[in-house]
């Protein structure tokens, strides 16, 4: 399951987190954008599910994942 979040969401979620060495740069947003550009295609290729998380509470993301996993399960 690939939990996708936009760069803007990632910036907001990580802004106050000092335990992220990759983001200790002059421009963390650019770093996140560069990482997403590199990693997103690979994550999408190998994921059985891609779930968008922007503007969604964790509970709704979990419900979405569970429903979609049930649809994938063999019957």
N, C-alpha and C. Protein backbone atom coordinates (compact mmCIF):
# COMPACT_ATOMS: atom_id res chain seq x y z
N UNK A 1 0.86 -1.17 0.00
CA UNK A 1 0.00 0.00 0.00
C UNK A 1 0.90 1.23 0.00
N UNK A 2 0.72 2.06 -1.00
CA UNK A 2 1.46 3.31 -1.10
C UNK A 2 0.55 4.43 -0.63
N UNK A 3 0.92 5.07 0.46
CA UNK A 3 0.17 6.21 0.98
C UNK A 3 0.76 7.47 0.36
N UNK A 4 0.07 8.01 -0.63
CA UNK A 4 0.59 9.17 -1.35
C UNK A 4 0.11 10.46 -0.69
N UNK A 5 1.04 11.38 -0.54
CA UNK A 5 0.72 12.72 -0.05
C UNK A 5 1.44 13.73 -0.94
N UNK A 6 0.78 14.83 -1.22
CA UNK A 6 1.41 15.87 -2.03
C UNK A 6 2.59 16.47 -1.28
N UNK A 7 3.44 17.14 -2.01
CA UNK A 7 4.59 17.80 -1.39
C UNK A 7 4.10 18.82 -0.36
N UNK A 8 3.05 19.54 -0.69
CA UNK A 8 2.52 20.54 0.24
C UNK A 8 2.10 19.90 1.55
N UNK A 9 1.43 18.76 1.46
CA UNK A 9 1.02 18.05 2.68
C UNK A 9 2.24 17.55 3.44
N UNK A 10 3.22 17.03 2.73
CA UNK A 10 4.43 16.54 3.39
C UNK A 10 5.16 17.66 4.11
N UNK A 11 5.23 18.82 3.49
CA UNK A 11 5.88 19.97 4.13
C UNK A 11 5.15 20.31 5.43
N UNK A 12 3.83 20.37 5.36
CA UNK A 12 3.05 20.68 6.56
C UNK A 12 3.21 19.65 7.66
N UNK A 13 3.27 18.39 7.28
CA UNK A 13 3.37 17.31 8.26
C UNK A 13 4.75 17.20 8.89
N UNK A 14 5.77 17.67 8.19
CA UNK A 14 7.14 17.49 8.69
C UNK A 14 7.79 18.80 9.15
N UNK A 15 7.10 19.90 9.05
CA UNK A 15 7.70 21.22 9.31
C UNK A 15 8.35 21.33 10.68
N UNK A 16 7.74 20.76 11.71
CA UNK A 16 8.29 20.91 13.06
C UNK A 16 9.06 19.69 13.54
N UNK A 17 9.23 18.72 12.66
CA UNK A 17 9.92 17.49 13.03
C UNK A 17 11.42 17.64 12.81
N UNK A 18 12.18 17.64 13.88
CA UNK A 18 13.64 17.82 13.78
C UNK A 18 14.38 16.49 13.62
N UNK A 19 13.65 15.39 13.54
CA UNK A 19 14.26 14.07 13.40
C UNK A 19 14.23 13.58 11.96
N UNK A 20 14.39 14.50 11.03
CA UNK A 20 14.37 14.16 9.60
C UNK A 20 15.63 14.71 8.94
N UNK A 21 16.72 13.95 9.01
CA UNK A 21 18.00 14.45 8.48
C UNK A 21 17.94 14.88 7.01
N UNK A 22 17.17 14.18 6.20
CA UNK A 22 17.09 14.55 4.78
C UNK A 22 16.47 15.92 4.57
N UNK A 23 15.70 16.39 5.55
CA UNK A 23 15.02 17.67 5.39
C UNK A 23 15.72 18.82 6.10
N UNK A 24 16.88 18.56 6.63
CA UNK A 24 17.67 19.63 7.26
C UNK A 24 18.47 20.34 6.17
N UNK A 25 17.75 21.00 5.32
CA UNK A 25 18.35 21.71 4.18
C UNK A 25 17.82 23.13 4.16
N UNK A 26 18.41 23.96 3.32
CA UNK A 26 17.94 25.33 3.17
C UNK A 26 16.54 25.37 2.57
N UNK A 27 16.20 24.34 1.78
CA UNK A 27 14.89 24.32 1.12
C UNK A 27 14.28 22.92 1.22
N UNK A 28 13.66 22.60 2.37
CA UNK A 28 13.09 21.26 2.54
C UNK A 28 11.99 20.95 1.52
N UNK A 29 11.25 21.96 1.07
CA UNK A 29 10.20 21.70 0.09
C UNK A 29 10.81 21.19 -1.22
N UNK A 30 11.90 21.79 -1.66
CA UNK A 30 12.57 21.32 -2.88
C UNK A 30 13.09 19.90 -2.68
N UNK A 31 13.64 19.62 -1.52
CA UNK A 31 14.13 18.27 -1.23
C UNK A 31 12.99 17.27 -1.33
N UNK A 32 11.85 17.60 -0.73
CA UNK A 32 10.69 16.69 -0.79
C UNK A 32 10.21 16.52 -2.22
N UNK A 33 10.19 17.62 -2.96
CA UNK A 33 9.74 17.54 -4.37
C UNK A 33 10.68 16.65 -5.18
N UNK A 34 11.97 16.81 -4.98
CA UNK A 34 12.96 15.98 -5.68
C UNK A 34 12.81 14.51 -5.31
N UNK A 35 12.63 14.23 -4.01
CA UNK A 35 12.44 12.85 -3.56
C UNK A 35 11.18 12.24 -4.16
N UNK A 36 10.10 13.01 -4.18
CA UNK A 36 8.85 12.50 -4.73
C UNK A 36 9.00 12.22 -6.23
N UNK A 37 9.68 13.09 -6.93
CA UNK A 37 9.90 12.89 -8.36
C UNK A 37 10.65 11.58 -8.62
N UNK A 38 11.63 11.29 -7.78
CA UNK A 38 12.41 10.06 -7.95
C UNK A 38 11.65 8.81 -7.50
N UNK A 39 10.98 8.91 -6.38
CA UNK A 39 10.41 7.72 -5.75
C UNK A 39 8.99 7.38 -6.19
N UNK A 40 8.20 8.38 -6.52
CA UNK A 40 6.79 8.14 -6.83
C UNK A 40 6.58 7.10 -7.93
N UNK A 41 7.29 7.17 -9.05
CA UNK A 41 7.05 6.15 -10.09
C UNK A 41 7.33 4.73 -9.61
N UNK A 42 8.38 4.56 -8.85
CA UNK A 42 8.71 3.23 -8.33
C UNK A 42 7.63 2.75 -7.35
N UNK A 43 7.25 3.61 -6.43
CA UNK A 43 6.22 3.23 -5.45
C UNK A 43 4.92 2.84 -6.16
N UNK A 44 4.54 3.60 -7.17
CA UNK A 44 3.30 3.29 -7.90
C UNK A 44 3.41 1.97 -8.65
N UNK A 45 4.60 1.70 -9.17
CA UNK A 45 4.81 0.46 -9.93
C UNK A 45 4.68 -0.78 -9.04
N UNK A 46 5.18 -0.72 -7.84
CA UNK A 46 5.20 -1.92 -6.99
C UNK A 46 4.01 -2.02 -6.04
N UNK A 47 3.25 -0.96 -5.89
CA UNK A 47 2.13 -0.98 -4.94
C UNK A 47 0.92 -1.71 -5.52
N UNK A 48 0.27 -2.49 -4.69
CA UNK A 48 -1.01 -3.09 -5.07
C UNK A 48 -2.13 -2.07 -4.95
N UNK A 49 -1.95 -1.13 -4.04
CA UNK A 49 -2.92 -0.05 -3.84
C UNK A 49 -2.19 1.27 -3.70
N UNK A 50 -2.76 2.32 -4.27
CA UNK A 50 -2.27 3.68 -4.05
C UNK A 50 -3.41 4.44 -3.40
N UNK A 51 -3.14 4.98 -2.22
CA UNK A 51 -4.17 5.68 -1.46
C UNK A 51 -3.75 7.13 -1.29
N UNK A 52 -4.59 8.03 -1.73
CA UNK A 52 -4.33 9.46 -1.56
C UNK A 52 -4.69 9.85 -0.13
N UNK A 53 -3.78 10.57 0.52
CA UNK A 53 -4.00 10.92 1.93
C UNK A 53 -4.22 12.40 2.17
N UNK A 54 -4.05 13.23 1.16
CA UNK A 54 -4.21 14.68 1.35
C UNK A 54 -5.59 15.01 1.90
N UNK A 55 -5.59 15.87 2.90
CA UNK A 55 -6.84 16.41 3.47
C UNK A 55 -7.79 15.33 3.98
N UNK A 56 -7.26 14.16 4.32
CA UNK A 56 -8.11 13.08 4.81
C UNK A 56 -7.66 12.68 6.21
N UNK A 57 -8.59 12.54 7.13
CA UNK A 57 -8.21 12.08 8.47
C UNK A 57 -7.72 10.64 8.42
N UNK A 58 -6.80 10.28 9.31
CA UNK A 58 -6.26 8.91 9.30
C UNK A 58 -7.34 7.83 9.33
N UNK A 59 -8.40 8.05 10.09
CA UNK A 59 -9.47 7.05 10.17
C UNK A 59 -10.08 6.76 8.79
N UNK A 60 -10.28 7.80 8.00
CA UNK A 60 -10.86 7.61 6.67
C UNK A 60 -9.88 6.90 5.73
N UNK A 61 -8.60 7.18 5.88
CA UNK A 61 -7.59 6.49 5.08
C UNK A 61 -7.60 5.00 5.41
N UNK A 62 -7.67 4.67 6.69
CA UNK A 62 -7.70 3.27 7.12
C UNK A 62 -8.94 2.57 6.57
N UNK A 63 -10.09 3.21 6.66
CA UNK A 63 -11.33 2.62 6.14
C UNK A 63 -11.19 2.37 4.64
N UNK A 64 -10.65 3.33 3.92
CA UNK A 64 -10.44 3.19 2.48
C UNK A 64 -9.54 1.99 2.18
N UNK A 65 -8.43 1.87 2.91
CA UNK A 65 -7.50 0.76 2.70
C UNK A 65 -8.19 -0.58 2.97
N UNK A 66 -8.90 -0.68 4.08
CA UNK A 66 -9.57 -1.94 4.42
C UNK A 66 -10.59 -2.34 3.36
N UNK A 67 -11.38 -1.38 2.90
CA UNK A 67 -12.39 -1.67 1.87
C UNK A 67 -11.72 -2.14 0.58
N UNK A 68 -10.66 -1.48 0.20
CA UNK A 68 -10.00 -1.84 -1.05
C UNK A 68 -9.26 -3.17 -0.95
N UNK A 69 -8.71 -3.47 0.22
CA UNK A 69 -8.07 -4.77 0.41
C UNK A 69 -9.10 -5.90 0.34
N UNK A 70 -10.28 -5.67 0.87
CA UNK A 70 -11.34 -6.69 0.78
C UNK A 70 -11.70 -6.95 -0.67
N UNK A 71 -11.70 -5.92 -1.49
CA UNK A 71 -12.02 -6.09 -2.91
C UNK A 71 -10.94 -6.91 -3.63
N UNK A 72 -9.70 -6.80 -3.17
CA UNK A 72 -8.60 -7.53 -3.80
C UNK A 72 -8.51 -8.98 -3.34
N UNK A 73 -9.08 -9.28 -2.18
CA UNK A 73 -8.95 -10.62 -1.60
C UNK A 73 -9.66 -11.65 -2.47
N UNK A 74 -9.02 -12.80 -2.69
CA UNK A 74 -9.68 -13.86 -3.46
C UNK A 74 -10.89 -14.39 -2.69
N UNK A 75 -11.89 -14.78 -3.44
CA UNK A 75 -13.13 -15.28 -2.80
C UNK A 75 -13.27 -16.75 -3.04
